Amino acid sequence: MTFKTITLTNGLRIITVPMQDNPSVTALVMVRTGSKYETKDINGLSHFLEHMCFKGTAKRPKASDISRELDSIGAHYNAFTGQEYTGYYAKAASKHAGKIVDVISDIYLNSTFDAAELEKEKGVIVEEIRMYNDLPQKKVSEVFTKLLYGDQPAGWDIAGTEEIVKSITREKMLEYRDRRYTTHSTTVILSGSFDEKEIIEQVTKAFEKANTNKPEPKLAVKEQQSSPAIATTFKETDQTHLIIGFRSFCITDKRIPTMHVLVSILSGGMSSRLFSKMREQLGICYYIKADNDALTDHGYLSISAGVDNTRVEEGIRSILEECRRMKKELVDDIELAKVKEYISGTTLLGLETSDSRAEYCGYQDALKGVVQSPEDIIAKIRKVTSEDVSKLANEIFVNEGLNMALIGRYKDAEPFKKYFMI
C-alpha cells in the first residue's frame, strides 16, 4: 500500500492513498479529540458535537440539505467518536471526489449548531444511550472500562449520561470546538482514485482559514490496581454477558506485534483456542472474542463472551485456563505459523476498499502520529517468536491486572471470586 503525508503551513496534515484502479474515493477528516479530552461536566460533548455537524452549515442550512446532496451522488457517509478521535467521512464514485471533499470540509469547518436543532438532538442522543443500555453485550464494555479506570475520562461513557447531555448548551459546544477542532489536531485522509494534485489543492483551499490554535493536551490516565477486581450488573437476561480482561500497554509499545500474535492465538478465526474451546468443545456460547485496545497512554486485553446462564462459572474457568496455558506452554511452530498467516491475510483483505484504507491511516495517525504500512506491520509480526509470546503472557496475565465485568442475573461478585485468580 502506498501513501503520502504532507503538512501544510497552518499545521493541517493531509494523507493521500492512491488506488487508481478503484472505482471509489473516500474523504475522511480525523480530529484528535474524544471523550478523554473532556471534563466531567461536559462528558459526551465530543459525541454530541459529531451529531450536530450534520445538522446544517452556513452553506447548507438544514440537515436535509447535507443528506440530499450526498444521497444524490449515491455516497456513503457517517461519523464516529472514540476516546481519542472523532471522524467524519464520505465515500462516493471517484468522479465525485471534489463534491465529497467540499461537503465533509464544510460540516467540519462551518457547522452552525442551530439552537433549536441542538435541543431536538438531545432527545436523539438520550435514546441512543438508552438503546445501548438495553443491549447487555454493549453495556458490559462500559461496565468493564469503568471498573478499570473509575471516575476519570478513560472510565466514562463516550456518549455521556442523560443528565449531562441534557445540560449541554450551544455556548459549551462552540467553546469546545474552538479549543479542540484546530488544524494542529486534524488530518484529512483521501483514499481511492483521484487527481492527487487537484485534490490536495482543494483541501488546502478549503482549510486555509481554519482555526490554527494549539490544542490543549488531555489528562494522562492513572492506573491503580493491586488485586483482581469484579463488577456485576443485575439484569434479567437469557444469557450472561461477560468480559475478562487484563491491563496491557499503549499503542506505541514495542510489544504490540507480540500482543497481536497472542490475541490471534486466543481468538483469530474459528480455529483459534477460545473459539475451539468455548464453542466447539463446550457448546457454551455463541460469540467469544479477544481484543487488545491500545490507545496513546494505556491499553487492555479483553475477552468477551455471551454464556449460557447455567454455565457461567464453567465459562469463566475455561477462559482463565486458556490464559494460564499461554503462560505455561510454548506455542508450537505449526500454530505460530498459522496465526502469522492469519494476521497477514486478514490485514491485507481488510484493505481492499477506499474507506478501509482511509480508516487504517486515520486511526494510526490519530493514535501514533505516524502511519506504518501494512507491509511493515506484517514484517514485525513475522519476527515474533514463541518465547516472545510466552514472555508477554507472563507479563500481562497476572492477578494485579485481572478484571471482570458481568451483566446477568447476579447481584454481587461473591460466587465468582473463588475462580478468579490467574
Protein backbone atom coordinates (compact mmCIF):
# COMPACT_ATOMS: atom_id res chain seq x y z
CA MET A 1 0.00 0.00 0.00
CA THR A 2 1.36 3.41 -0.96
CA PHE A 3 0.53 6.66 0.80
CA LYS A 4 1.99 10.11 1.26
CA THR A 5 1.74 12.55 4.16
CA ILE A 6 2.21 16.30 3.86
CA THR A 7 1.82 19.04 6.47
CA LEU A 8 0.55 22.45 5.42
CA THR A 9 1.98 25.66 6.83
CA ASN A 10 -1.11 26.06 9.02
CA GLY A 11 -0.47 22.68 10.70
CA LEU A 12 -3.08 20.59 8.86
CA ARG A 13 -1.89 17.13 7.79
CA ILE A 14 -3.05 15.55 4.55
CA ILE A 15 -2.60 11.85 3.78
CA THR A 16 -3.20 10.62 0.23
CA VAL A 17 -3.67 6.91 -0.51
CA PRO A 18 -3.92 6.42 -4.28
CA MET A 19 -5.87 3.43 -5.63
CA GLN A 20 -6.09 4.19 -9.33
CA ASP A 21 -7.97 1.00 -10.25
CA ASN A 22 -10.57 1.54 -7.53
CA PRO A 23 -13.92 3.00 -8.66
CA SER A 24 -14.46 4.95 -5.42
CA VAL A 25 -12.91 7.71 -3.35
CA THR A 26 -13.18 8.33 0.39
CA ALA A 27 -12.60 11.61 2.20
CA LEU A 28 -12.07 11.27 5.95
CA VAL A 29 -11.47 14.15 8.35
CA MET A 30 -9.93 12.83 11.56
CA VAL A 31 -9.73 15.04 14.67
CA ARG A 32 -7.56 14.07 17.60
CA THR A 33 -10.21 14.61 20.25
CA GLY A 34 -12.79 12.47 22.00
CA SER A 35 -14.18 11.63 25.42
CA LYS A 36 -10.72 11.51 27.05
CA TYR A 37 -10.33 15.21 26.27
CA GLU A 38 -13.46 16.13 28.23
CA THR A 39 -14.16 17.19 31.81
CA LYS A 40 -16.91 15.60 33.88
CA ASP A 41 -19.40 18.42 33.32
CA ILE A 42 -19.21 18.04 29.53
CA ASN A 43 -18.77 14.26 29.27
CA GLY A 44 -20.37 13.23 25.99
CA LEU A 45 -19.86 16.59 24.27
CA SER A 46 -17.41 15.20 21.66
CA HIS A 47 -20.05 12.70 20.57
CA PHE A 48 -22.84 15.31 20.70
CA LEU A 49 -20.77 17.70 18.56
CA GLU A 50 -20.26 14.96 15.99
CA HIS A 51 -24.05 14.59 15.70
CA MET A 52 -24.54 18.34 15.34
CA CYS A 53 -22.07 18.65 12.47
CA PHE A 54 -24.67 17.01 10.20
CA LYS A 55 -27.44 19.41 11.24
CA GLY A 56 -26.56 22.33 8.99
CA THR A 57 -23.86 24.73 7.87
CA ALA A 58 -23.88 28.31 6.59
CA LYS A 59 -23.80 26.96 3.02
CA ARG A 60 -26.16 24.03 3.69
CA PRO A 61 -28.53 25.34 6.40
CA LYS A 62 -30.52 22.16 7.07
CA ALA A 63 -29.64 18.54 7.75
CA SER A 64 -31.73 17.63 4.72
CA ASP A 65 -29.56 19.87 2.53
CA ILE A 66 -26.49 17.84 3.50
CA SER A 67 -28.11 14.43 3.21
CA ARG A 68 -29.89 15.24 -0.06
CA GLU A 69 -26.67 16.40 -1.70
CA LEU A 70 -24.75 13.31 -0.65
CA ASP A 71 -27.63 10.95 -1.43
CA SER A 72 -27.92 12.45 -4.92
CA ILE A 73 -24.47 11.10 -5.79
CA GLY A 74 -25.00 7.72 -4.09
CA ALA A 75 -22.50 8.48 -1.33
CA HIS A 76 -21.99 6.56 1.88
CA TYR A 77 -21.36 8.95 4.76
CA ASN A 78 -21.26 8.95 8.53
CA ALA A 79 -19.20 9.93 11.56
CA PHE A 80 -17.83 8.28 14.69
CA THR A 81 -16.44 9.26 18.08
CA GLY A 82 -13.97 7.38 20.25
CA GLN A 83 -11.98 8.17 23.35
CA GLU A 84 -9.21 9.89 21.42
CA TYR A 85 -10.54 10.69 17.96
CA THR A 86 -13.59 11.89 16.03
CA GLY A 87 -14.02 11.17 12.34
CA TYR A 88 -16.24 12.44 9.51
CA TYR A 89 -16.26 10.69 6.16
CA ALA A 90 -17.97 10.33 2.81
CA LYS A 91 -17.37 7.74 0.11
CA ALA A 92 -18.59 8.02 -3.48
CA ALA A 93 -17.74 7.18 -7.07
CA SER A 94 -14.34 8.63 -7.95
CA LYS A 95 -15.85 11.26 -10.28
CA HIS A 96 -17.42 12.88 -7.19
CA ALA A 97 -14.13 13.36 -5.30
CA GLY A 98 -14.43 17.14 -5.34
CA LYS A 99 -18.01 17.05 -4.10
CA ILE A 100 -17.38 14.89 -1.04
CA VAL A 101 -14.32 16.94 -0.06
CA ASP A 102 -16.46 20.07 -0.28
CA VAL A 103 -19.24 18.62 1.90
CA ILE A 104 -17.05 16.98 4.54
CA SER A 105 -14.83 20.05 4.93
CA ASP A 106 -17.96 22.22 5.17
CA ILE A 107 -19.51 20.28 8.06
CA TYR A 108 -16.15 20.25 9.89
CA LEU A 109 -15.49 23.95 9.41
CA ASN A 110 -18.85 25.67 9.17
CA SER A 111 -21.48 23.85 11.21
CA THR A 112 -23.84 26.40 12.76
CA PHE A 113 -25.12 24.36 15.75
CA ASP A 114 -28.62 25.77 15.48
CA ALA A 115 -30.09 26.09 18.99
CA ALA A 116 -33.42 24.50 18.08
CA GLU A 117 -31.71 21.57 16.33
CA LEU A 118 -29.41 21.15 19.33
CA GLU A 119 -32.38 20.77 21.68
CA LYS A 120 -34.01 18.21 19.37
CA GLU A 121 -30.79 16.24 19.05
CA LYS A 122 -30.57 15.88 22.83
CA GLY A 123 -33.57 13.59 22.59
CA VAL A 124 -31.90 11.53 19.87
CA ILE A 125 -28.73 11.04 21.92
CA VAL A 126 -30.67 10.20 25.08
CA GLU A 127 -32.45 7.46 23.13
CA GLU A 128 -29.10 6.26 21.78
CA ILE A 129 -27.80 5.98 25.36
CA ARG A 130 -30.93 4.08 26.40
CA MET A 131 -30.65 1.78 23.39
CA TYR A 132 -27.12 0.77 24.35
CA ASN A 133 -28.17 0.34 27.98
CA ASP A 134 -30.72 -2.21 26.74
CA LEU A 135 -28.01 -4.16 24.88
CA PRO A 136 -26.05 -6.11 27.52
CA GLN A 137 -23.31 -7.17 25.09
CA LYS A 138 -22.67 -3.45 24.51
CA LYS A 139 -23.30 -2.22 28.06
CA VAL A 140 -20.86 -4.71 29.57
CA SER A 141 -18.00 -2.89 27.81
CA GLU A 142 -18.91 0.31 29.66
CA VAL A 143 -19.07 -1.57 32.96
CA PHE A 144 -15.63 -3.02 32.21
CA THR A 145 -13.89 0.27 31.39
CA LYS A 146 -15.44 1.92 34.45
CA LEU A 147 -14.10 -0.94 36.57
CA LEU A 148 -10.60 -0.41 35.17
CA TYR A 149 -10.42 3.38 35.25
CA GLY A 150 -13.13 4.61 37.58
CA ASP A 151 -14.07 8.28 37.66
CA GLN A 152 -11.61 9.61 35.10
CA PRO A 153 -12.12 10.20 31.36
CA ALA A 154 -10.94 6.71 30.34
CA GLY A 155 -13.67 5.26 32.58
CA TRP A 156 -16.53 7.41 31.31
CA ASP A 157 -19.05 6.51 28.62
CA ILE A 158 -18.20 8.12 25.27
CA ALA A 159 -21.84 9.22 24.86
CA GLY A 160 -22.00 10.69 28.36
CA THR A 161 -25.05 10.44 30.64
CA GLU A 162 -28.61 11.56 30.04
CA GLU A 163 -28.26 14.31 32.63
CA ILE A 164 -25.07 15.78 31.18
CA VAL A 165 -26.32 15.58 27.60
CA LYS A 166 -29.46 17.48 28.57
CA SER A 167 -27.34 20.19 30.22
CA ILE A 168 -25.07 20.90 27.22
CA THR A 169 -25.56 24.33 25.67
CA ARG A 170 -24.67 25.78 22.31
CA GLU A 171 -22.12 28.00 24.03
CA LYS A 172 -20.34 24.99 25.54
CA MET A 173 -20.27 23.30 22.16
CA LEU A 174 -18.82 26.31 20.38
CA GLU A 175 -16.19 26.78 23.08
CA TYR A 176 -15.18 23.12 22.88
CA ARG A 177 -14.97 23.19 19.08
CA ASP A 178 -12.77 26.29 19.19
CA ARG A 179 -10.38 24.56 21.59
CA ARG A 180 -10.25 21.12 20.01
CA TYR A 181 -11.07 21.45 16.28
CA THR A 182 -7.84 23.02 15.09
CA THR A 183 -5.55 22.35 12.16
CA HIS A 184 -2.89 21.03 14.57
CA SER A 185 -5.24 18.28 15.75
CA THR A 186 -6.73 17.42 12.36
CA THR A 187 -5.74 15.18 9.46
CA VAL A 188 -7.56 14.86 6.14
CA ILE A 189 -7.22 11.43 4.53
CA LEU A 190 -8.05 10.90 0.85
CA SER A 191 -8.14 7.34 -0.43
CA GLY A 192 -9.10 5.90 -3.79
CA SER A 193 -8.99 7.14 -7.36
CA PHE A 194 -8.39 10.90 -7.73
CA ASP A 195 -6.11 13.51 -9.21
CA GLU A 196 -3.66 13.98 -6.34
CA LYS A 197 -2.51 17.50 -7.19
CA GLU A 198 -6.04 18.72 -7.75
CA ILE A 199 -7.50 17.24 -4.57
CA ILE A 200 -4.65 18.50 -2.37
CA GLU A 201 -5.21 21.97 -3.77
CA GLN A 202 -8.90 21.70 -2.97
CA VAL A 203 -8.27 20.60 0.63
CA THR A 204 -5.64 23.30 1.10
CA LYS A 205 -8.07 25.97 -0.10
CA ALA A 206 -10.95 24.64 1.99
CA PHE A 207 -8.89 24.74 5.20
CA GLU A 208 -6.90 27.92 4.54
CA LYS A 209 -8.93 29.89 7.12
CA ALA A 210 -9.32 27.05 9.62
CA ASN A 211 -8.66 27.50 13.33
CA THR A 212 -4.89 27.26 13.94
CA ASN A 213 -4.88 27.37 17.77
CA LYS A 214 -2.64 24.86 19.50
CA PRO A 215 -4.90 22.31 21.23
CA GLU A 216 -4.60 21.54 24.93
CA PRO A 217 -3.28 18.09 25.91
CA LYS A 218 -5.54 15.58 27.62
CA LEU A 219 -5.05 14.36 31.18
CA ALA A 220 -2.92 11.22 31.47
CA VAL A 221 -4.65 8.01 32.50
CA LYS A 222 -3.99 6.87 36.08
CA GLU A 223 -3.61 3.12 36.56
CA GLN A 224 -4.21 1.76 40.06
CA GLN A 225 -4.73 -1.92 40.80
CA SER A 226 -3.12 -4.44 43.14
CA SER A 227 -5.57 -7.36 43.10
CA PRO A 228 -8.30 -8.86 40.88
CA ALA A 229 -11.46 -6.76 40.53
CA ILE A 230 -15.00 -7.77 39.58
CA ALA A 231 -18.07 -5.67 38.76
CA THR A 232 -21.55 -7.15 38.28
CA THR A 233 -24.71 -5.52 36.94
CA PHE A 234 -28.04 -7.25 37.54
CA LYS A 235 -30.31 -7.67 34.53
CA GLU A 236 -32.97 -10.26 33.72
CA THR A 237 -31.22 -11.67 30.67
CA ASP A 238 -31.46 -15.03 28.93
CA GLN A 239 -27.69 -15.03 28.58
CA THR A 240 -24.87 -13.76 30.78
CA HIS A 241 -22.52 -11.31 29.06
CA LEU A 242 -19.05 -11.01 30.48
CA ILE A 243 -15.65 -9.52 29.81
CA ILE A 244 -12.48 -10.84 31.41
CA GLY A 245 -9.53 -8.57 30.81
CA PHE A 246 -6.01 -7.54 31.77
CA ARG A 247 -4.21 -4.22 31.75
CA SER A 248 -1.69 -4.04 28.93
CA PHE A 249 0.09 -1.05 27.35
CA CYS A 250 -0.16 1.83 24.88
CA ILE A 251 -0.19 1.59 21.09
CA THR A 252 3.44 2.71 20.65
CA ASP A 253 4.84 -0.01 22.92
CA LYS A 254 7.39 -2.24 21.19
CA ARG A 255 5.44 -5.33 22.32
CA ILE A 256 2.42 -4.53 20.14
CA PRO A 257 3.37 -7.04 17.38
CA THR A 258 3.70 -9.78 20.00
CA MET A 259 0.37 -8.76 21.51
CA HIS A 260 -1.22 -9.04 18.08
CA VAL A 261 0.04 -12.61 17.80
CA LEU A 262 -1.04 -13.52 21.34
CA VAL A 263 -4.57 -12.18 20.79
CA SER A 264 -4.84 -14.02 17.48
CA ILE A 265 -3.80 -17.30 19.09
CA LEU A 266 -6.68 -16.85 21.51
CA SER A 267 -9.26 -15.51 19.07
CA GLY A 268 -8.03 -15.37 15.47
CA GLY A 269 -10.67 -17.17 13.45
CA MET A 270 -12.74 -20.29 14.02
CA SER A 271 -9.69 -22.47 14.65
CA SER A 272 -8.46 -20.24 17.50
CA ARG A 273 -8.11 -21.58 21.01
CA LEU A 274 -11.03 -19.77 22.60
CA PHE A 275 -13.45 -20.48 19.74
CA SER A 276 -12.44 -24.14 19.69
CA LYS A 277 -12.72 -24.48 23.47
CA MET A 278 -15.81 -22.45 24.26
CA ARG A 279 -17.96 -23.04 21.20
CA GLU A 280 -16.81 -26.23 19.52
CA GLN A 281 -15.86 -28.31 22.57
CA LEU A 282 -18.13 -26.96 25.31
CA GLY A 283 -21.02 -25.50 23.27
CA ILE A 284 -21.28 -22.85 25.95
CA CYS A 285 -21.61 -19.67 23.90
CA TYR A 286 -22.36 -18.20 20.50
CA TYR A 287 -19.76 -15.42 20.50
CA ILE A 288 -16.31 -15.38 22.06
CA LYS A 289 -13.73 -12.78 21.14
CA ALA A 290 -10.39 -11.44 22.37
CA ASP A 291 -9.20 -7.91 21.60
CA ASN A 292 -6.36 -5.62 22.61
CA ASP A 293 -7.44 -1.99 22.88
CA ALA A 294 -4.30 0.12 22.71
CA LEU A 295 -4.56 3.91 22.98
CA THR A 296 -1.99 6.68 23.39
CA ASP A 297 -1.30 6.16 27.10
CA HIS A 298 -2.98 2.93 28.19
CA GLY A 299 -4.32 -0.37 26.94
CA TYR A 300 -6.12 -3.55 27.92
CA LEU A 301 -6.66 -7.05 26.59
CA SER A 302 -10.29 -8.15 26.85
CA ILE A 303 -12.06 -11.47 26.30
CA SER A 304 -15.80 -11.10 25.69
CA ALA A 305 -18.46 -13.80 25.66
CA GLY A 306 -22.18 -14.35 25.98
CA VAL A 307 -22.60 -17.51 28.05
CA ASP A 308 -25.44 -19.86 28.99
CA ASN A 309 -26.83 -18.60 32.33
CA THR A 310 -26.47 -22.05 33.92
CA ARG A 311 -22.78 -22.40 32.91
CA VAL A 312 -21.24 -19.03 33.72
CA GLU A 313 -18.74 -20.34 36.27
CA GLU A 314 -17.66 -23.06 33.84
CA GLY A 315 -17.16 -20.41 31.17
CA ILE A 316 -15.03 -18.23 33.45
CA ARG A 317 -12.88 -21.20 34.47
CA SER A 318 -12.38 -22.23 30.84
CA ILE A 319 -11.33 -18.75 29.71
CA LEU A 320 -8.85 -18.41 32.55
CA GLU A 321 -7.48 -21.88 31.82
CA GLU A 322 -6.61 -20.76 28.30
CA CYS A 323 -4.83 -17.69 29.70
CA ARG A 324 -2.81 -19.87 32.10
CA ARG A 325 -1.96 -22.20 29.23
CA MET A 326 -0.44 -19.25 27.36
CA LYS A 327 1.84 -18.67 30.34
CA LYS A 328 2.90 -22.28 30.85
CA GLU A 329 3.23 -23.74 27.34
CA LEU A 330 5.18 -22.50 24.34
CA VAL A 331 3.12 -22.17 21.18
CA ASP A 332 4.31 -24.80 18.72
CA ASP A 333 5.75 -23.86 15.34
CA ILE A 334 2.73 -25.02 13.35
CA GLU A 335 0.21 -22.94 15.32
CA LEU A 336 2.51 -19.92 15.35
CA ALA A 337 2.96 -20.07 11.57
CA LYS A 338 -0.80 -20.43 11.07
CA VAL A 339 -1.52 -17.39 13.24
CA LYS A 340 1.03 -15.24 11.42
CA GLU A 341 -0.52 -16.14 8.07
CA TYR A 342 -3.96 -15.41 9.51
CA ILE A 343 -2.86 -11.93 10.60
CA SER A 344 -1.17 -11.26 7.27
CA GLY A 345 -4.16 -12.42 5.24
CA THR A 346 -6.85 -10.62 7.27
CA THR A 347 -4.80 -7.42 7.33
CA LEU A 348 -4.50 -7.31 3.55
CA LEU A 349 -8.09 -8.41 2.94
CA GLY A 350 -9.22 -5.63 5.25
CA LEU A 351 -7.62 -3.03 3.00
CA GLU A 352 -9.39 -3.75 -0.28
CA THR A 353 -11.66 -0.68 -0.27
CA SER A 354 -11.01 3.05 -0.26
CA ASP A 355 -12.80 3.60 3.06
CA SER A 356 -10.89 0.80 4.81
CA ARG A 357 -7.56 2.31 3.73
CA ALA A 358 -8.65 5.78 4.82
CA GLU A 359 -9.61 4.47 8.26
CA TYR A 360 -6.39 2.44 8.50
CA CYS A 361 -4.33 5.59 8.01
CA GLY A 362 -6.64 7.78 10.08
CA TYR A 363 -6.58 5.61 13.19
CA GLN A 364 -2.81 5.24 13.13
CA ASP A 365 -2.25 8.93 12.56
CA ALA A 366 -4.62 9.86 15.39
CA LEU A 367 -3.15 7.44 17.93
CA LYS A 368 0.51 7.18 16.91
CA GLY A 369 1.14 10.38 14.98
CA VAL A 370 2.60 8.31 12.16
CA VAL A 371 1.33 5.69 9.71
CA GLN A 372 3.06 2.34 9.31
CA SER A 373 2.48 0.47 6.08
CA PRO A 374 0.74 -2.91 6.38
CA GLU A 375 3.87 -4.49 4.92
CA ASP A 376 5.98 -3.11 7.78
CA ILE A 377 3.47 -4.29 10.36
CA ILE A 378 3.34 -7.79 8.86
CA ALA A 379 7.15 -7.94 8.76
CA LYS A 380 7.26 -7.27 12.51
CA ILE A 381 4.58 -9.90 13.12
CA ARG A 382 6.68 -12.48 11.28
CA LYS A 383 9.61 -11.86 13.66
CA VAL A 384 7.60 -12.77 16.78
CA THR A 385 8.77 -15.99 18.43
CA SER A 386 7.07 -18.48 20.74
CA GLU A 387 9.33 -17.25 23.51
CA ASP A 388 8.16 -13.68 22.90
CA VAL A 389 4.53 -14.78 23.26
CA SER A 390 5.20 -16.73 26.44
CA LYS A 391 7.11 -13.82 27.98
CA LEU A 392 4.30 -11.40 27.21
CA ALA A 393 1.66 -13.77 28.58
CA ASN A 394 3.56 -13.97 31.84
CA GLU A 395 3.81 -10.18 31.97
CA ILE A 396 0.13 -9.37 31.48
CA PHE A 397 -1.78 -12.42 32.73
CA VAL A 398 -1.28 -11.53 36.39
CA ASN A 399 -3.65 -11.02 39.31
CA GLU A 400 -2.61 -7.38 39.67
CA GLY A 401 -4.13 -6.59 36.28
CA LEU A 402 -7.05 -9.03 36.21
CA ASN A 403 -10.62 -7.70 35.87
CA MET A 404 -14.09 -8.99 35.04
CA ALA A 405 -17.33 -7.20 34.23
CA LEU A 406 -20.56 -9.19 34.05
CA ILE A 407 -24.19 -8.44 33.19
CA GLY A 408 -26.78 -11.07 34.06
CA ARG A 409 -28.82 -12.50 36.90
CA TYR A 410 -26.20 -11.84 39.56
CA LYS A 411 -26.44 -9.18 42.27
CA ASP A 412 -22.88 -9.50 43.56
CA ALA A 413 -19.48 -10.89 42.62
CA GLU A 414 -19.11 -13.34 45.51
CA PRO A 415 -19.92 -16.54 43.56
CA PHE A 416 -17.03 -15.90 41.16
CA LYS A 417 -14.21 -14.90 43.46
CA LYS A 418 -13.05 -18.45 44.10
CA TYR A 419 -12.29 -18.92 40.41
CA PHE A 420 -10.92 -15.51 39.71
CA MET A 421 -7.17 -15.97 40.06
CA ILE A 422 -4.65 -16.38 37.30
